[in-house]
N, C-alpha and C. Protein backbone atom coordinates (compact mmCIF):
# COMPACT_ATOMS: atom_id res chain seq x y z
N UNK A 1 41.15 -28.16 -28.34
CA UNK A 1 40.91 -29.28 -27.45
C UNK A 1 42.22 -29.93 -27.07
N UNK A 2 42.46 -30.05 -25.78
CA UNK A 2 43.62 -30.76 -25.29
C UNK A 2 44.93 -30.04 -25.48
N UNK A 3 44.92 -28.72 -25.74
CA UNK A 3 46.16 -27.97 -25.91
C UNK A 3 46.92 -27.96 -24.60
N UNK A 4 48.26 -27.94 -24.71
CA UNK A 4 49.09 -27.94 -23.52
C UNK A 4 48.79 -26.70 -22.68
N UNK A 5 48.65 -26.90 -21.39
CA UNK A 5 48.40 -25.78 -20.49
C UNK A 5 46.94 -25.41 -20.37
N UNK A 6 46.08 -26.03 -21.18
CA UNK A 6 44.65 -25.74 -21.09
C UNK A 6 44.05 -26.54 -19.94
N UNK A 7 43.12 -25.95 -19.23
CA UNK A 7 42.48 -26.71 -18.17
C UNK A 7 41.69 -27.86 -18.79
N UNK A 8 41.61 -28.94 -18.06
CA UNK A 8 40.84 -30.10 -18.54
C UNK A 8 39.39 -29.70 -18.66
N UNK A 9 38.76 -30.15 -19.72
CA UNK A 9 37.37 -29.82 -19.97
C UNK A 9 36.51 -31.00 -19.57
N UNK A 10 35.47 -30.74 -18.86
CA UNK A 10 34.57 -31.80 -18.44
C UNK A 10 33.27 -31.66 -19.20
N UNK A 11 32.87 -32.74 -19.85
CA UNK A 11 31.60 -32.74 -20.55
C UNK A 11 30.46 -33.20 -19.66
N UNK A 12 30.79 -33.54 -18.43
CA UNK A 12 29.73 -34.00 -17.53
C UNK A 12 28.94 -32.81 -17.03
N UNK A 13 27.65 -33.01 -16.83
CA UNK A 13 26.80 -31.90 -16.35
C UNK A 13 27.15 -31.54 -14.91
N UNK A 14 26.74 -30.33 -14.52
CA UNK A 14 26.94 -29.89 -13.14
C UNK A 14 26.13 -30.80 -12.23
N UNK A 15 26.57 -30.97 -11.00
CA UNK A 15 25.81 -31.81 -10.07
C UNK A 15 24.38 -31.32 -9.93
N UNK A 16 23.48 -32.25 -9.73
CA UNK A 16 22.07 -31.89 -9.58
C UNK A 16 21.91 -30.88 -8.45
N UNK A 17 21.16 -29.82 -8.70
CA UNK A 17 20.91 -28.81 -7.69
C UNK A 17 21.94 -27.69 -7.63
N UNK A 18 23.06 -27.83 -8.33
CA UNK A 18 24.11 -26.81 -8.27
C UNK A 18 23.60 -25.47 -8.79
N UNK A 19 22.85 -25.49 -9.89
CA UNK A 19 22.32 -24.23 -10.44
C UNK A 19 21.33 -23.61 -9.47
N UNK A 20 20.52 -24.43 -8.82
CA UNK A 20 19.55 -23.92 -7.86
C UNK A 20 20.22 -23.32 -6.65
N UNK A 21 21.31 -23.93 -6.21
CA UNK A 21 22.04 -23.41 -5.05
C UNK A 21 22.67 -22.05 -5.38
N UNK A 22 23.18 -21.91 -6.60
CA UNK A 22 23.76 -20.63 -7.00
C UNK A 22 22.70 -19.55 -7.08
N UNK A 23 21.53 -19.91 -7.58
CA UNK A 23 20.43 -18.95 -7.68
C UNK A 23 19.97 -18.53 -6.28
N UNK A 24 19.89 -19.49 -5.36
CA UNK A 24 19.48 -19.18 -3.99
C UNK A 24 20.52 -18.26 -3.33
N UNK A 25 21.79 -18.55 -3.54
CA UNK A 25 22.85 -17.71 -2.96
C UNK A 25 22.75 -16.28 -3.50
N UNK A 26 22.47 -16.15 -4.78
CA UNK A 26 22.32 -14.83 -5.38
C UNK A 26 21.13 -14.09 -4.78
N UNK A 27 20.03 -14.82 -4.56
CA UNK A 27 18.86 -14.20 -3.93
C UNK A 27 19.19 -13.74 -2.52
N UNK A 28 19.94 -14.52 -1.78
CA UNK A 28 20.31 -14.14 -0.41
C UNK A 28 21.14 -12.86 -0.44
N UNK A 29 22.12 -12.80 -1.34
CA UNK A 29 22.96 -11.61 -1.45
C UNK A 29 22.11 -10.39 -1.81
N UNK A 30 21.16 -10.58 -2.72
CA UNK A 30 20.27 -9.48 -3.12
C UNK A 30 19.46 -9.01 -1.91
N UNK A 31 18.89 -9.96 -1.16
CA UNK A 31 18.10 -9.60 0.01
C UNK A 31 18.95 -8.88 1.06
N UNK A 32 20.18 -9.33 1.25
CA UNK A 32 21.06 -8.66 2.21
C UNK A 32 21.21 -7.19 1.84
N UNK A 33 21.46 -6.91 0.57
CA UNK A 33 21.61 -5.52 0.13
C UNK A 33 20.32 -4.73 0.34
N UNK A 34 19.20 -5.29 -0.08
CA UNK A 34 17.91 -4.62 0.04
C UNK A 34 17.59 -4.32 1.50
N UNK A 35 17.79 -5.31 2.37
CA UNK A 35 17.45 -5.13 3.78
C UNK A 35 18.41 -4.19 4.50
N UNK A 36 19.66 -4.16 4.08
CA UNK A 36 20.60 -3.21 4.69
C UNK A 36 20.29 -1.78 4.23
N UNK A 37 19.84 -1.64 2.98
CA UNK A 37 19.48 -0.30 2.48
C UNK A 37 18.26 0.25 3.19
N UNK A 38 17.29 -0.60 3.46
CA UNK A 38 16.07 -0.19 4.16
C UNK A 38 15.71 -1.27 5.17
N UNK A 39 16.36 -1.25 6.34
CA UNK A 39 16.18 -2.34 7.29
C UNK A 39 14.77 -2.47 7.87
N UNK A 40 13.97 -1.42 7.77
CA UNK A 40 12.59 -1.53 8.27
C UNK A 40 11.80 -2.54 7.44
N UNK A 41 12.29 -2.87 6.25
CA UNK A 41 11.62 -3.88 5.42
C UNK A 41 11.54 -5.22 6.12
N UNK A 42 12.45 -5.50 7.03
CA UNK A 42 12.38 -6.76 7.79
C UNK A 42 11.05 -6.81 8.53
N UNK A 43 10.74 -5.76 9.28
CA UNK A 43 9.50 -5.74 10.06
C UNK A 43 8.28 -5.64 9.16
N UNK A 44 8.37 -4.87 8.08
CA UNK A 44 7.24 -4.77 7.15
C UNK A 44 6.92 -6.13 6.54
N UNK A 45 7.96 -6.87 6.17
CA UNK A 45 7.75 -8.19 5.57
C UNK A 45 7.07 -9.12 6.57
N UNK A 46 7.49 -9.05 7.84
CA UNK A 46 6.85 -9.86 8.86
C UNK A 46 5.38 -9.49 9.01
N UNK A 47 5.11 -8.19 9.00
CA UNK A 47 3.72 -7.72 9.13
C UNK A 47 2.87 -8.19 7.97
N UNK A 48 3.34 -8.01 6.74
CA UNK A 48 2.56 -8.42 5.58
C UNK A 48 2.37 -9.93 5.55
N UNK A 49 3.38 -10.66 5.96
CA UNK A 49 3.27 -12.11 5.99
C UNK A 49 2.20 -12.55 6.99
N UNK A 50 2.22 -11.96 8.18
CA UNK A 50 1.23 -12.31 9.20
C UNK A 50 -0.17 -11.86 8.78
N UNK A 51 -0.27 -10.66 8.25
CA UNK A 51 -1.58 -10.09 7.92
C UNK A 51 -2.20 -10.75 6.69
N UNK A 52 -1.39 -11.02 5.67
CA UNK A 52 -1.92 -11.53 4.41
C UNK A 52 -1.78 -13.04 4.27
N UNK A 53 -1.07 -13.65 5.21
CA UNK A 53 -0.99 -15.10 5.24
C UNK A 53 -0.11 -15.76 4.20
N UNK A 54 0.96 -15.11 3.80
CA UNK A 54 1.88 -15.77 2.86
C UNK A 54 3.19 -16.07 3.57
N UNK A 55 3.94 -17.01 3.01
CA UNK A 55 5.22 -17.38 3.59
C UNK A 55 6.34 -16.61 2.91
N UNK A 56 7.32 -16.24 3.71
CA UNK A 56 8.49 -15.54 3.18
C UNK A 56 9.49 -16.58 2.68
N UNK A 57 10.15 -16.27 1.59
CA UNK A 57 11.09 -17.19 0.95
C UNK A 57 12.29 -17.45 1.87
N UNK A 58 12.85 -18.62 1.77
CA UNK A 58 13.99 -18.99 2.61
C UNK A 58 15.18 -18.05 2.40
N UNK A 59 15.33 -17.51 1.21
CA UNK A 59 16.44 -16.58 0.97
C UNK A 59 16.27 -15.30 1.80
N UNK A 60 15.03 -14.89 2.03
CA UNK A 60 14.77 -13.74 2.90
C UNK A 60 15.25 -14.04 4.32
N UNK A 61 14.86 -15.21 4.84
CA UNK A 61 15.23 -15.57 6.20
C UNK A 61 16.73 -15.71 6.37
N UNK A 62 17.42 -16.19 5.34
CA UNK A 62 18.87 -16.32 5.43
C UNK A 62 19.56 -14.95 5.45
N UNK A 63 18.91 -13.94 4.87
CA UNK A 63 19.49 -12.60 4.81
C UNK A 63 19.20 -11.75 6.05
N UNK A 64 18.13 -12.06 6.76
CA UNK A 64 17.71 -11.23 7.89
C UNK A 64 18.81 -10.99 8.92
N UNK A 65 19.56 -12.03 9.36
CA UNK A 65 20.59 -11.76 10.37
C UNK A 65 21.62 -10.70 9.95
N UNK A 66 21.85 -10.58 8.65
CA UNK A 66 22.82 -9.60 8.16
C UNK A 66 22.26 -8.18 8.19
N UNK A 67 20.96 -8.03 8.37
CA UNK A 67 20.33 -6.71 8.39
C UNK A 67 19.99 -6.24 9.79
N UNK A 68 20.11 -7.10 10.78
CA UNK A 68 19.68 -6.72 12.13
C UNK A 68 20.48 -5.57 12.72
N UNK A 69 21.78 -5.53 12.47
CA UNK A 69 22.56 -4.41 13.02
C UNK A 69 22.12 -3.10 12.37
N UNK A 70 21.78 -3.13 11.08
CA UNK A 70 21.27 -1.93 10.42
C UNK A 70 19.91 -1.53 10.99
N UNK A 71 19.08 -2.52 11.29
CA UNK A 71 17.77 -2.24 11.87
C UNK A 71 17.95 -1.58 13.24
N UNK A 72 18.92 -2.04 14.00
CA UNK A 72 19.17 -1.46 15.32
C UNK A 72 19.75 -0.05 15.24
N UNK A 73 20.64 0.17 14.27
CA UNK A 73 21.36 1.45 14.25
C UNK A 73 20.75 2.52 13.33
N UNK A 74 20.06 2.12 12.28
CA UNK A 74 19.58 3.09 11.29
C UNK A 74 18.12 3.52 11.48
N UNK A 75 17.33 2.71 12.17
CA UNK A 75 15.89 2.97 12.25
C UNK A 75 15.53 3.46 13.64
N UNK A 76 14.81 4.56 13.67
CA UNK A 76 14.38 5.14 14.95
C UNK A 76 13.47 4.16 15.69
N UNK A 77 13.57 4.18 17.01
CA UNK A 77 12.75 3.30 17.84
C UNK A 77 11.26 3.47 17.60
N UNK A 78 10.83 4.70 17.35
CA UNK A 78 9.40 4.94 17.13
C UNK A 78 8.91 4.28 15.85
N UNK A 79 9.75 4.25 14.83
CA UNK A 79 9.35 3.58 13.58
C UNK A 79 9.27 2.07 13.76
N UNK A 80 10.21 1.51 14.54
CA UNK A 80 10.16 0.07 14.82
C UNK A 80 8.92 -0.25 15.66
N UNK A 81 8.65 0.60 16.64
CA UNK A 81 7.47 0.39 17.49
C UNK A 81 6.19 0.41 16.67
N UNK A 82 6.09 1.38 15.74
CA UNK A 82 4.91 1.47 14.89
C UNK A 82 4.68 0.18 14.11
N UNK A 83 5.75 -0.38 13.55
CA UNK A 83 5.62 -1.64 12.79
C UNK A 83 5.23 -2.79 13.70
N UNK A 84 5.81 -2.84 14.89
CA UNK A 84 5.47 -3.92 15.82
C UNK A 84 4.01 -3.83 16.28
N UNK A 85 3.52 -2.61 16.47
CA UNK A 85 2.11 -2.43 16.83
C UNK A 85 1.23 -2.90 15.68
N UNK A 86 1.60 -2.58 14.46
CA UNK A 86 0.82 -3.02 13.29
C UNK A 86 0.84 -4.55 13.18
N UNK A 87 1.97 -5.16 13.50
CA UNK A 87 2.05 -6.63 13.49
C UNK A 87 1.08 -7.19 14.53
N UNK A 88 1.07 -6.60 15.72
CA UNK A 88 0.18 -7.07 16.78
C UNK A 88 -1.28 -6.90 16.40
N UNK A 89 -1.59 -5.87 15.65
CA UNK A 89 -2.97 -5.61 15.23
C UNK A 89 -3.47 -6.61 14.19
N UNK A 90 -2.58 -7.40 13.64
CA UNK A 90 -3.00 -8.42 12.66
C UNK A 90 -3.95 -9.41 13.31
N UNK A 91 -3.87 -9.54 14.62
CA UNK A 91 -4.77 -10.43 15.34
C UNK A 91 -4.08 -11.70 15.77
N UNK A 92 -4.70 -12.36 16.70
CA UNK A 92 -4.11 -13.56 17.29
C UNK A 92 -3.96 -14.70 16.29
N UNK A 93 -5.01 -15.00 15.55
CA UNK A 93 -4.97 -16.15 14.63
C UNK A 93 -3.90 -16.00 13.56
N UNK A 94 -3.83 -14.85 12.85
CA UNK A 94 -2.76 -14.71 11.85
C UNK A 94 -1.36 -14.79 12.47
N UNK A 95 -1.19 -14.26 13.69
CA UNK A 95 0.12 -14.32 14.32
C UNK A 95 0.49 -15.75 14.70
N UNK A 96 -0.46 -16.50 15.22
CA UNK A 96 -0.18 -17.89 15.57
C UNK A 96 0.13 -18.72 14.33
N UNK A 97 -0.59 -18.47 13.26
CA UNK A 97 -0.32 -19.17 12.00
C UNK A 97 1.05 -18.80 11.48
N UNK A 98 1.41 -17.52 11.55
CA UNK A 98 2.71 -17.07 11.09
C UNK A 98 3.83 -17.73 11.91
N UNK A 99 3.66 -17.80 13.22
CA UNK A 99 4.68 -18.35 14.09
C UNK A 99 4.80 -19.87 14.00
N UNK A 100 3.81 -20.50 13.42
CA UNK A 100 3.82 -21.95 13.28
C UNK A 100 4.84 -22.46 12.34
């Protein structure tokens, strides 16, 4: 304790929410990797969310922009079209609820 050259030690707790922010950042990084590895998961997640009525976690949404270039370059247009058709088949009400 207090040795010369040692960094000062703080006994005060981390600011409120700091641990949660670190966990959220880690989730975003994880999602970025997952979505870049299989970018069609972006569209599948949208489809399941609309069809089954659940909300996607904010960390997913923060990661999506980082996967869009992979979705454009790695996934065939026909596969993207198939997912979009499946999303449309979820019906009007689930889509409107999802978009809300």
